[in-house]
Amino acid sequence: MTTNGNSFWSSGSVPLIEPEFLSSIIAAASDIAIVVSAQGTILSVVVNSFSESFGNLKHWEGRALTEFLTRESIPKFEKAHEAYLLGEVPKKQLELNHNDNAVWQYPVRYTFHRFGHENAALLLGRDLRPIAETQQQLVQAQIALEQGYEARREFDARYRVLMANVSQAVAFVSVQTGRVEDANDAAATLLGLSADALRGSSFAQHFNDRSNVELTESLMNATLAEEEGRVTLNTTRTKTKIIVHPVVFRAGGQRVLMCRMATEARVSAAPDTAADHALALFRSGSDAMLFMSPKGDIISVNESFLDLVGAAHLSDVVGRSLGDFLGRGQIDLSVLTEQPQRSGHMRIYSTRLVNDLGTRLAVEISATHLTDDEAPAIGCIIRDVSRTETARAGGGSAPMVAHVPTEPARNVMDLVGSASLKDIVAETTDVVEKMCIETAVELTSNNRVAAAEMLGLSRQSLYVKLRKYGLLSRNG
C-alpha cells in the first residue's frame, strides 16, 4: 500500500511495531487485554487507561483465569479455550462475566487471537457495562411505561364505572369547541337522546335560545362565582327546565367543563338533614343499634353491636336471628317482635346478650316498629348495663343519693303505725308479685310457658299464682 508514492508498510498488510509500543496500542484498541497460557493461566493483563472502572488488575497475573469468572462463565471459557488449543480460533465473540473477590461483577465480550507465542492466546475484551446499563434503563423504562398503561387502564375503568353508576347527570364539554366529550346515561336521558348520540355533539344544540359561544361564556362565568354557580337552561327535546352547575379544569392542555345537571324540581327539594344525622348516629353511636325483620332476622347493625357481641364482620351477624344472641332465646325474641308490632314500641326490656363465645352481658333493649308497606322492620337500641348492675351490687361503694319516694312507696309509708311490719311486707309483696305476673303475661302475649320461664317459675306455680290473683280467667 502506498501513500503519495511512498511505502511505509514494511511487512505484509500491517506495519512492524516496536515491542515497547505494542502494549499501549493493544490497550487503546480494547478495554482489557489478557494473555492466557495453554494451562489457562493469566500471563499478562493490560487495561485501557481510559477505563478506570477496572482498577488495578496486576494481581490477576500468575493465577488461573477461571478464578475471576462467575460460575456460569467458567464452562463457556473452558470450551472456547479447548477449541483454541486444538487449532480452531473461535470466530464467535465470547461474553464472560468477571468477578473479583465477590465484591463486584462486570461483563466483557472477548475475541481470541494468535500472536506467535506457542499455544498462548491473546484475549481482546470490550467492556459491556455501558451496554448493560443502557439495556437496564430501557427495561426499567419499559416497566414504568407498562405500569403507566396499567394505572391508566385502572383509572379509566374506575371512571367508567363511576359514570355508569352515578345517579346525577354529568357531561364533559370542551371549552374550545363547545362539544360534549363524554356524558353518562343519566345526562342523555335528561336531554332526551342516547349517550352515543350525545357524545361528540354540540352542547348548545340541546337547549333553546343559546348559541354555542353564548352558552360556553355563560358556563365559564358561572365557574367564577364565589358560591356554587349555576345556569338555568331549557332543553330542546324534553322541554324541561334544568339547572347546570359547571366546574372548569384543564386536561391535556385543554380546558374542559364538567357540567352537573338536574331538573329544577330536584334542585329545589331541600336536603333531608335529619335523615343524614340519623344515619351518622346509627354508624357512629355509642349504643348498639340494629334493624331486624318482623320475624327477628337481623337486617343491619352498627359497629357498636359488633363490639358488643364480639363479631369481626357484618356477615357474621346479618341474616341470623336476634334470638341467637339473647339469653332466653326465642322467648326474648317473641317479646321484642310481638310487643312493638302491637303497640308500636317497647321502651325498656331487660335481658342478657350472649355472644358466640358464651359471654353474657346484662342489657336493656328498646324496640320500635317501623311501618313500611314494602319493607317493615323493627329498630332496636341496646345498651350495656352490666357496669350499672356491678355498681348497684357494690352497695356501700356507690355514693349515697337521696331518692324521692314513688307513689306506691308513699302508700306503703301510710300503713306504718296502722299495721304491723309483717302485714305491711306481706301486702306489698302480693302487690309486686301480681304486677310482675301481669307484666310477664302481657309481654309474652299470654304465652304461659314463656311467662313462667321469664319469671323463673314452673308452669304449675304460675297457674297457682294466676288463680290466686284472679288472673286465670281474665287471660285464659
Foldseek 3Di string as FASTA:
>chain_A
DDDPRDDPADDPPHRDDDPVCVLQVLQVVFQKKFKAALVQQTQDIHGNPVCCVVPDDPVRHGGHPVVFFDPVQVVVVVVQLVCVLVPDFDPDWGKTWTHDPNPDIFIWTWGWDDDPPPSMTMIGIHTCVVVVVVVVVVVVVVVVVVVVVVVVVVVVVVVVVCQAPDQWWKFKAFLVPQATQATHQNVQVVLPHGRVVRHGHRPVVQFPPADSNRVSVQQVVQQPDPPFGWDWTATDPVRFIKIWGWHWDDDPNTIMIIITIDGPVVVPDDDDVVVVVVVVCQADPQWKKFKAALQQATAFIYPNVCVVQVHDDRVVRHRHGQLVFWPVRPLVSLLQRVVCVVVFWAQWDWTWTAHPVGDIFIKIKIKGWDDDPVGTIIMITIDTCRVVVVLVVVPPVDDDDDDDDDPVRVVLVVCPPVDDPVVSVVVVVLVVVVVLLVVLCVSSVNPLCSSCVVVVHDSVVSVVSCVVVVNPVVSD
